[in-house]
N, C-alpha and C. Protein backbone atom coordinates (compact mmCIF):
# COMPACT_ATOMS: atom_id res chain seq x y z
N MET A 1 143.57 185.21 55.78
CA MET A 1 144.23 185.38 57.26
C MET A 1 145.84 186.11 56.81
N ASN A 2 146.00 186.78 55.93
CA ASN A 2 147.18 187.41 55.69
C ASN A 2 147.45 188.46 56.72
N PHE A 3 148.50 188.60 57.17
CA PHE A 3 148.88 189.90 58.08
C PHE A 3 149.70 190.86 57.45
N MET A 4 150.31 190.58 56.09
CA MET A 4 151.39 191.63 55.55
C MET A 4 150.20 191.72 54.34
N CYS A 5 150.35 193.36 53.97
CA CYS A 5 149.85 193.67 52.54
C CYS A 5 150.21 193.28 51.43
N GLU A 6 149.33 193.02 50.49
CA GLU A 6 149.84 192.11 49.10
C GLU A 6 151.23 192.68 48.49
N LYS A 7 151.75 194.15 48.78
CA LYS A 7 152.64 194.88 47.95
C LYS A 7 153.70 194.12 49.17
N HIS A 8 153.78 194.15 50.26
CA HIS A 8 155.16 193.57 50.81
C HIS A 8 154.88 191.93 50.63
N ARG A 9 153.82 191.52 50.36
CA ARG A 9 154.21 190.01 50.17
C ARG A 9 155.06 189.32 48.87
N ASP A 10 154.16 190.46 47.60
CA ASP A 10 154.86 190.45 46.28
C ASP A 10 155.97 190.78 46.29
N LYS A 11 156.60 191.81 47.06
CA LYS A 11 158.15 191.97 47.12
C LYS A 11 158.92 190.78 48.07
N LEU A 12 158.52 190.57 48.90
CA LEU A 12 158.99 189.38 49.52
C LEU A 12 159.11 187.92 48.75
N SER A 13 157.93 188.11 47.67
CA SER A 13 157.82 186.55 46.75
C SER A 13 159.24 186.79 45.81
N GLY A 14 159.45 187.88 45.57
CA GLY A 14 160.60 188.09 44.45
C GLY A 14 162.00 188.08 45.16
N ASN A 15 162.25 187.95 46.29
CA ASN A 15 163.43 187.89 46.83
C ASN A 15 163.17 186.71 48.00
N PRO A 16 163.48 185.41 48.00
CA PRO A 16 163.25 184.64 49.10
C PRO A 16 164.46 184.57 50.01
N LYS A 17 165.66 185.44 49.99
CA LYS A 17 166.53 185.43 51.03
C LYS A 17 165.96 186.62 51.70
N ALA A 18 165.69 187.78 51.32
CA ALA A 18 165.10 188.81 52.13
C ALA A 18 164.19 188.53 53.27
N ALA A 19 163.24 187.40 52.53
CA ALA A 19 161.97 186.88 53.15
C ALA A 19 162.17 185.91 54.37
N THR A 20 163.35 184.86 53.78
CA THR A 20 164.06 184.43 54.82
C THR A 20 164.76 185.12 56.15
N ALA A 21 165.47 186.25 55.87
CA ALA A 21 166.02 187.21 57.10
C ALA A 21 164.92 187.71 57.80
N LEU A 22 163.81 188.10 57.11
CA LEU A 22 162.92 188.47 57.75
C LEU A 22 162.16 187.85 58.55
N TRP A 23 161.94 186.65 57.99
CA TRP A 23 161.22 185.68 58.95
C TRP A 23 162.27 185.21 60.39
N TYR A 24 163.30 185.14 60.02
CA TYR A 24 164.71 185.01 61.56
C TYR A 24 164.09 186.24 62.24
N ARG A 25 164.47 187.63 61.74
CA ARG A 25 163.91 188.75 62.76
C ARG A 25 162.54 188.51 63.36
N LEU A 26 161.41 188.36 62.59
CA LEU A 26 160.00 188.47 63.39
C LEU A 26 160.09 187.24 64.22
N MET A 27 160.35 185.96 63.99
CA MET A 27 160.32 184.74 65.01
C MET A 27 160.98 185.19 66.16
N PHE A 28 162.38 185.72 65.98
CA PHE A 28 162.99 186.18 67.22
C PHE A 28 162.07 187.25 67.89
N LEU A 29 161.68 188.53 67.11
CA LEU A 29 160.93 189.12 67.94
C LEU A 29 159.73 188.80 68.43
N ALA A 30 158.84 187.68 67.84
CA ALA A 30 157.93 187.61 68.46
C ALA A 30 157.92 186.66 69.70
N ARG A 31 159.02 185.68 69.62
CA ARG A 31 159.59 185.22 70.81
C ARG A 31 159.59 185.89 71.87
N HIS A 32 160.45 186.83 71.98
CA HIS A 32 160.60 187.73 72.58
C HIS A 32 159.40 188.46 73.30
N GLN A 33 158.45 188.82 72.58
CA GLN A 33 157.09 189.77 72.66
C GLN A 33 156.25 188.64 73.65
N ALA A 34 156.46 187.20 73.36
CA ALA A 34 155.50 186.40 74.19
C ALA A 34 156.02 186.05 75.31
N LYS A 35 157.39 186.39 75.31
CA LYS A 35 158.08 185.83 76.88
C LYS A 35 157.83 186.86 77.82
N THR A 36 157.51 188.37 77.11
CA THR A 36 157.14 189.32 77.97
C THR A 36 156.12 189.49 78.18
N GLN A 37 155.20 188.83 77.53
CA GLN A 37 153.52 188.80 77.57
C GLN A 37 153.01 190.31 77.15
N GLU A 38 153.69 190.27 75.95
CA GLU A 38 152.99 191.42 74.97
C GLU A 38 152.57 190.80 73.98
N TRP A 39 150.95 190.32 73.92
CA TRP A 39 150.55 188.90 73.37
C TRP A 39 150.40 189.68 72.18
N GLN A 40 149.54 190.97 72.10
CA GLN A 40 149.22 191.61 70.80
C GLN A 40 150.28 191.89 69.76
N LYS A 41 151.46 192.43 70.34
CA LYS A 41 152.78 192.62 69.43
C LYS A 41 153.24 191.20 68.86
N SER A 42 153.34 190.16 69.94
CA SER A 42 153.74 188.84 69.67
C SER A 42 152.75 188.19 68.44
N ILE A 43 151.61 188.56 68.39
CA ILE A 43 150.87 187.72 67.48
C ILE A 43 150.77 188.30 66.27
N ILE A 44 151.00 189.81 66.31
CA ILE A 44 151.16 190.64 64.86
C ILE A 44 152.20 190.01 64.40
N SER A 45 153.55 189.92 65.20
CA SER A 45 155.09 189.56 64.67
C SER A 45 155.11 187.77 64.29
N TYR A 46 154.56 187.14 64.84
CA TYR A 46 153.96 185.83 64.31
C TYR A 46 153.67 185.58 63.10
N GLY A 47 152.37 186.26 63.04
CA GLY A 47 151.61 186.57 61.86
C GLY A 47 152.24 186.79 60.49
N ASN A 48 152.96 188.24 60.99
CA ASN A 48 154.13 188.47 59.57
C ASN A 48 155.13 187.57 59.53
N ALA A 49 155.60 186.77 60.14
CA ALA A 49 156.47 185.54 60.06
C ALA A 49 156.04 184.75 59.50
N LEU A 50 154.70 184.31 59.77
CA LEU A 50 154.07 182.83 58.81
C LEU A 50 153.75 183.57 57.43
N ASP A 51 153.42 184.72 57.15
CA ASP A 51 153.53 185.19 55.74
C ASP A 51 154.68 185.09 55.13
N ALA A 52 155.75 185.81 56.11
CA ALA A 52 157.00 185.30 54.91
C ALA A 52 157.52 183.89 55.24
N ALA A 53 157.09 182.83 56.17
CA ALA A 53 157.37 181.60 55.87
C ALA A 53 156.74 181.00 54.86
N GLN A 54 155.21 181.43 54.50
CA GLN A 54 154.70 180.89 53.36
C GLN A 54 155.23 181.08 52.09
N VAL A 55 155.69 182.56 51.81
CA VAL A 55 156.51 182.93 50.80
C VAL A 55 157.71 182.27 50.58
N ILE A 56 158.27 181.73 51.51
CA ILE A 56 159.57 180.70 51.27
C ILE A 56 159.25 179.66 50.99
N PHE A 57 158.34 179.16 51.62
CA PHE A 57 157.46 177.46 51.20
C PHE A 57 157.10 177.56 50.12
N GLU A 58 156.63 178.53 49.58
CA GLU A 58 155.76 178.48 48.09
C GLU A 58 156.86 178.62 47.14
N SER A 59 158.23 179.38 47.35
CA SER A 59 159.02 179.40 46.31
C SER A 59 160.09 178.15 46.17
N ASP A 60 160.15 177.42 47.31
CA ASP A 60 160.78 175.94 47.28
C ASP A 60 160.10 175.20 48.09
N PRO A 61 159.11 174.53 48.05
CA PRO A 61 158.37 173.50 48.95
C PRO A 61 159.06 171.98 49.19
N THR A 62 160.17 172.34 49.79
CA THR A 62 161.11 171.35 50.46
C THR A 62 161.04 170.91 51.98
N SER A 63 161.63 169.75 52.37
CA SER A 63 161.36 170.00 53.76
C SER A 63 161.78 170.85 54.91
N PRO A 64 162.93 171.41 54.77
CA PRO A 64 163.24 172.71 55.77
C PRO A 64 161.96 173.70 55.70
N GLU A 65 161.72 173.85 54.44
CA GLU A 65 160.45 174.97 54.30
C GLU A 65 159.17 174.75 54.66
N VAL A 66 159.17 173.57 54.53
CA VAL A 66 157.62 172.85 54.98
C VAL A 66 157.80 173.22 56.69
N SER A 67 158.73 172.53 57.14
CA SER A 67 159.06 172.64 58.63
C SER A 67 158.96 174.12 59.52
N ARG A 68 159.56 174.67 58.72
CA ARG A 68 159.49 176.40 58.90
C ARG A 68 158.04 176.84 59.02
N TYR A 69 157.44 176.67 57.82
CA TYR A 69 156.13 177.06 58.06
C TYR A 69 155.24 176.28 58.95
N ILE A 70 155.39 175.14 59.09
CA ILE A 70 154.43 174.48 60.21
C ILE A 70 154.85 174.87 61.78
N ARG A 71 155.88 175.27 61.47
CA ARG A 71 156.31 175.78 62.89
C ARG A 71 156.13 177.09 63.22
N THR A 72 156.00 177.68 62.47
CA THR A 72 155.73 179.28 62.57
C THR A 72 153.88 179.24 62.81
N ALA A 73 153.52 178.69 61.96
CA ALA A 73 151.73 178.47 62.44
C ALA A 73 151.26 177.87 63.62
N SER A 74 152.30 176.76 64.16
CA SER A 74 152.21 176.31 65.50
C SER A 74 152.15 177.32 66.66
N GLU A 75 153.31 177.89 66.72
CA GLU A 75 153.77 178.87 67.54
C GLU A 75 152.73 180.00 67.50
N LEU A 76 152.36 180.37 66.41
CA LEU A 76 150.96 181.58 66.21
C LEU A 76 149.87 180.99 67.12
N ALA A 77 149.59 179.79 66.79
CA ALA A 77 148.48 179.27 67.44
C ALA A 77 148.60 179.30 69.02
N TYR A 78 149.77 178.60 69.14
CA TYR A 78 149.95 178.58 70.71
C TYR A 78 149.74 180.00 71.35
N THR A 79 150.49 180.97 70.66
CA THR A 79 150.55 182.37 71.48
C THR A 79 148.77 182.87 71.57
N MET A 80 148.43 182.26 70.38
CA MET A 80 146.99 182.85 70.21
C MET A 80 146.40 182.43 71.46
N ARG A 81 146.33 181.04 71.46
CA ARG A 81 145.75 180.47 72.75
C ARG A 81 146.09 180.76 74.17
N LYS A 82 146.99 180.83 74.06
CA LYS A 82 148.00 181.19 75.45
C LYS A 82 147.25 182.48 75.92
N CYS A 83 147.02 183.67 75.02
CA CYS A 83 146.60 184.69 75.79
C CYS A 83 144.79 184.93 75.34
N ASN A 84 144.12 183.90 74.89
CA ASN A 84 142.74 184.05 74.82
C ASN A 84 142.38 184.95 73.69
N TYR A 85 143.26 184.99 72.73
CA TYR A 85 142.95 185.83 71.91
C TYR A 85 141.68 185.11 70.78
N PRO A 86 141.01 186.48 70.61
CA PRO A 86 139.49 185.79 69.90
C PRO A 86 139.78 185.52 68.10
N PHE A 87 140.07 184.51 67.87
CA PHE A 87 140.24 184.00 66.94
C PHE A 87 139.76 182.63 66.33
N ASP A 88 139.48 182.12 65.39
CA ASP A 88 139.03 180.57 64.90
C ASP A 88 140.14 179.92 64.68
N ILE A 89 140.51 178.97 65.27
CA ILE A 89 141.56 177.98 65.18
C ILE A 89 141.50 177.44 63.95
N LYS A 90 140.23 177.00 63.75
CA LYS A 90 140.06 176.06 62.37
C LYS A 90 139.93 176.64 61.26
N ARG A 91 140.28 178.28 60.84
CA ARG A 91 140.71 178.93 60.11
C ARG A 91 141.92 178.81 59.75
N VAL A 92 143.04 178.81 60.79
CA VAL A 92 144.18 178.86 60.83
C VAL A 92 144.80 177.59 60.37
N VAL A 93 143.97 176.34 60.45
CA VAL A 93 144.56 174.96 60.38
C VAL A 93 144.17 175.03 58.81
N ALA A 94 142.83 175.28 58.56
CA ALA A 94 142.53 175.20 57.41
C ALA A 94 143.15 175.93 56.28
N GLU A 95 143.66 176.78 56.65
CA GLU A 95 144.66 177.93 55.26
C GLU A 95 145.77 177.13 55.52
N VAL A 96 146.48 176.84 56.29
CA VAL A 96 147.87 176.05 56.32
C VAL A 96 147.58 174.86 55.32
N THR A 97 146.54 174.03 55.70
CA THR A 97 146.25 172.53 55.04
C THR A 97 146.12 173.04 53.52
N ASP A 98 145.59 174.10 53.24
CA ASP A 98 145.14 174.34 52.03
C ASP A 98 146.55 174.64 51.20
N ASN A 99 147.21 175.67 51.65
CA ASN A 99 148.77 176.01 51.32
C ASN A 99 149.60 174.76 51.28
N LEU A 100 149.49 173.93 52.03
CA LEU A 100 150.13 172.57 51.88
C LEU A 100 149.65 172.06 51.01
N LYS A 101 148.73 171.68 50.67
CA LYS A 101 148.02 170.67 49.59
C LYS A 101 148.21 171.01 48.23
N LYS A 102 148.35 172.63 48.21
CA LYS A 102 148.52 173.10 46.86
C LYS A 102 150.18 173.03 46.14
N ASN A 103 151.09 172.46 47.23
CA ASN A 103 152.45 172.37 46.88
C ASN A 103 152.80 170.85 47.12
N LEU A 104 152.52 170.15 47.94
CA LEU A 104 153.07 168.83 48.22
C LEU A 104 151.59 167.76 47.95
N TYR A 105 152.10 166.64 47.81
CA TYR A 105 151.62 165.29 47.84
C TYR A 105 150.38 165.15 48.92
N PRO A 106 149.01 165.11 48.71
CA PRO A 106 148.34 165.02 49.71
C PRO A 106 148.00 164.22 51.01
N ALA A 107 148.86 162.91 50.49
CA ALA A 107 149.17 161.71 51.66
C ALA A 107 150.00 162.43 52.68
N ASN A 108 151.19 163.71 52.09
CA ASN A 108 152.03 163.91 53.25
C ASN A 108 151.26 164.96 54.42
N VAL A 109 150.43 165.84 53.57
CA VAL A 109 149.78 166.87 54.58
C VAL A 109 149.72 166.59 55.92
N GLN A 110 148.51 165.34 55.88
CA GLN A 110 147.99 165.17 57.55
C GLN A 110 149.07 165.15 58.39
N LEU A 111 150.33 164.27 57.66
CA LEU A 111 151.41 164.05 58.94
C LEU A 111 152.05 165.33 59.43
N LEU A 112 152.32 166.06 58.39
CA LEU A 112 153.11 167.23 58.44
C LEU A 112 151.96 168.15 59.32
N LEU A 113 151.13 168.09 59.16
CA LEU A 113 149.92 168.66 60.35
C LEU A 113 149.84 168.38 61.54
N SER A 114 150.61 167.22 62.01
CA SER A 114 150.35 166.82 63.11
C SER A 114 150.88 167.90 64.37
N PRO A 115 151.87 168.75 64.25
CA PRO A 115 152.30 169.60 65.25
C PRO A 115 151.39 170.64 65.37
N LEU A 116 150.55 171.17 64.55
CA LEU A 116 149.89 172.28 64.39
C LEU A 116 148.38 172.04 64.77
N THR A 117 148.16 170.72 64.18
CA THR A 117 146.82 170.42 65.31
C THR A 117 146.70 169.83 66.51
N ASP A 118 148.02 169.15 66.85
CA ASP A 118 148.17 168.99 68.41
C ASP A 118 147.95 170.09 69.09
N ILE A 119 148.76 171.34 68.76
CA ILE A 119 148.57 172.71 69.46
C ILE A 119 147.36 173.37 69.26
N ALA A 120 147.08 173.03 68.24
CA ALA A 120 145.32 173.91 68.02
C ALA A 120 144.26 172.91 69.02
N TYR A 121 144.36 171.70 69.06
CA TYR A 121 143.27 170.85 69.71
C TYR A 121 143.53 170.48 70.94
N SER A 122 144.80 169.73 71.46
CA SER A 122 145.28 169.13 72.52
C SER A 122 144.90 170.45 73.85
N PRO A 123 144.49 169.87 74.99
CA PRO A 123 144.34 170.37 76.07
C PRO A 123 145.52 171.82 76.44
N LEU A 124 145.50 172.63 76.76
CA LEU A 124 146.16 174.25 76.93
C LEU A 124 147.43 173.65 78.01
N GLN A 125 147.15 172.92 78.77
CA GLN A 125 148.51 172.54 79.60
C GLN A 125 149.51 171.51 79.00
N GLU A 126 148.69 170.69 78.46
CA GLU A 126 149.58 169.71 77.52
C GLU A 126 150.34 170.52 76.54
N VAL A 127 149.82 171.23 75.91
CA VAL A 127 150.58 172.11 74.68
C VAL A 127 151.35 173.20 75.34
N HIS A 128 151.08 173.64 76.44
CA HIS A 128 151.96 174.56 77.21
C HIS A 128 153.49 173.88 77.52
N GLN A 129 153.23 172.80 78.05
CA GLN A 129 154.43 171.79 78.31
C GLN A 129 155.50 171.73 77.12
N TRP A 130 154.63 170.98 75.98
CA TRP A 130 155.39 170.90 74.73
C TRP A 130 156.10 172.04 74.42
N MET A 131 155.21 172.85 74.05
CA MET A 131 155.98 174.62 73.88
C MET A 131 157.44 175.07 74.85
N LYS A 132 156.94 174.96 76.08
CA LYS A 132 158.29 174.85 76.85
C LYS A 132 159.25 174.32 76.37
N ALA A 133 159.37 173.08 76.35
CA ALA A 133 160.21 171.95 76.12
C ALA A 133 160.81 172.60 74.79
N VAL A 134 160.21 173.17 73.65
CA VAL A 134 160.66 173.21 72.29
C VAL A 134 161.42 174.51 72.81
N PHE A 135 160.68 175.69 73.17
CA PHE A 135 161.67 177.05 73.55
C PHE A 135 162.93 176.85 74.15
N GLU A 136 163.07 175.82 75.28
CA GLU A 136 164.10 175.23 75.71
C GLU A 136 165.59 174.76 74.72
N ALA A 137 164.82 173.86 74.08
CA ALA A 137 165.61 173.27 73.00
C ALA A 137 166.26 174.28 72.38
N ASP A 138 165.44 174.98 71.56
CA ASP A 138 165.80 176.12 71.10
C ASP A 138 166.96 176.94 71.57
N ILE A 139 166.92 177.31 72.80
CA ILE A 139 167.86 178.14 73.36
C ILE A 139 169.06 177.37 73.41
N HIS A 140 168.65 176.05 73.79
CA HIS A 140 170.04 175.36 74.19
C HIS A 140 170.92 175.28 72.99
N SER A 141 170.17 174.85 71.52
CA SER A 141 170.54 174.78 70.54
C SER A 141 171.22 175.82 69.92
N GLN A 142 170.98 177.29 70.43
CA GLN A 142 171.30 178.33 69.86
C GLN A 142 172.59 178.81 70.65
N SER A 143 172.58 178.33 71.83
CA SER A 143 173.96 178.60 72.44
C SER A 143 175.16 177.70 72.03
N TYR A 144 174.67 176.53 71.83
CA TYR A 144 175.70 175.56 71.06
C TYR A 144 176.08 176.42 69.74
N SER A 145 175.64 176.85 68.52
CA SER A 145 175.82 177.43 67.50
C SER A 145 176.55 178.57 67.56
N HIS A 146 176.73 178.86 68.76
CA HIS A 146 177.21 179.99 68.74
C HIS A 146 179.08 179.88 69.42
N HIS A 147 179.36 178.87 69.56
CA HIS A 147 180.27 178.63 70.20
C HIS A 147 181.62 178.15 68.82
C-alpha cells in the first residue's frame, strides 16, 4: 500500500528530520484538500504522509511517533470512507497492524489501533462527528501555539 516509490522512501529513511518536515507539509495539504473536497488529491497527500509517518515511526518507535502514524492512517481511512473511495479498509488496518507488531509489544498493538479501527468500522455519521471534533481541536490548538 506504499504511496511513495522505494527511492523516495529510502531517501527519507536516512533523514528522519526531513521525513518529519515532509509529514507536516503533507498533512496540512491533505487536510486543506479534504476541506475543499479535492478527495483524490487529499488521499494521495494522506497516503504520502502515511509513508513518511511510517518511516519516522520505524526510525524511532516511541509514543509520539506511534501516535503520528496511527493518526495519519486514521485520517486517510476517514477521507477514503468520506468520499466513497474504492479501497479495502481491512488492508489498511492489516498493514498498520503488521507495522506496529514489528516494532512494539503485541499487547500494546490492539489498544493503539483502536482509533483506526473505530474510524474504519464504525458508522460513518459517528466517525464524521469524531473527526469534526478532532479537526476543530487541532485548529484551536494551532491558534494558541502561535500566540
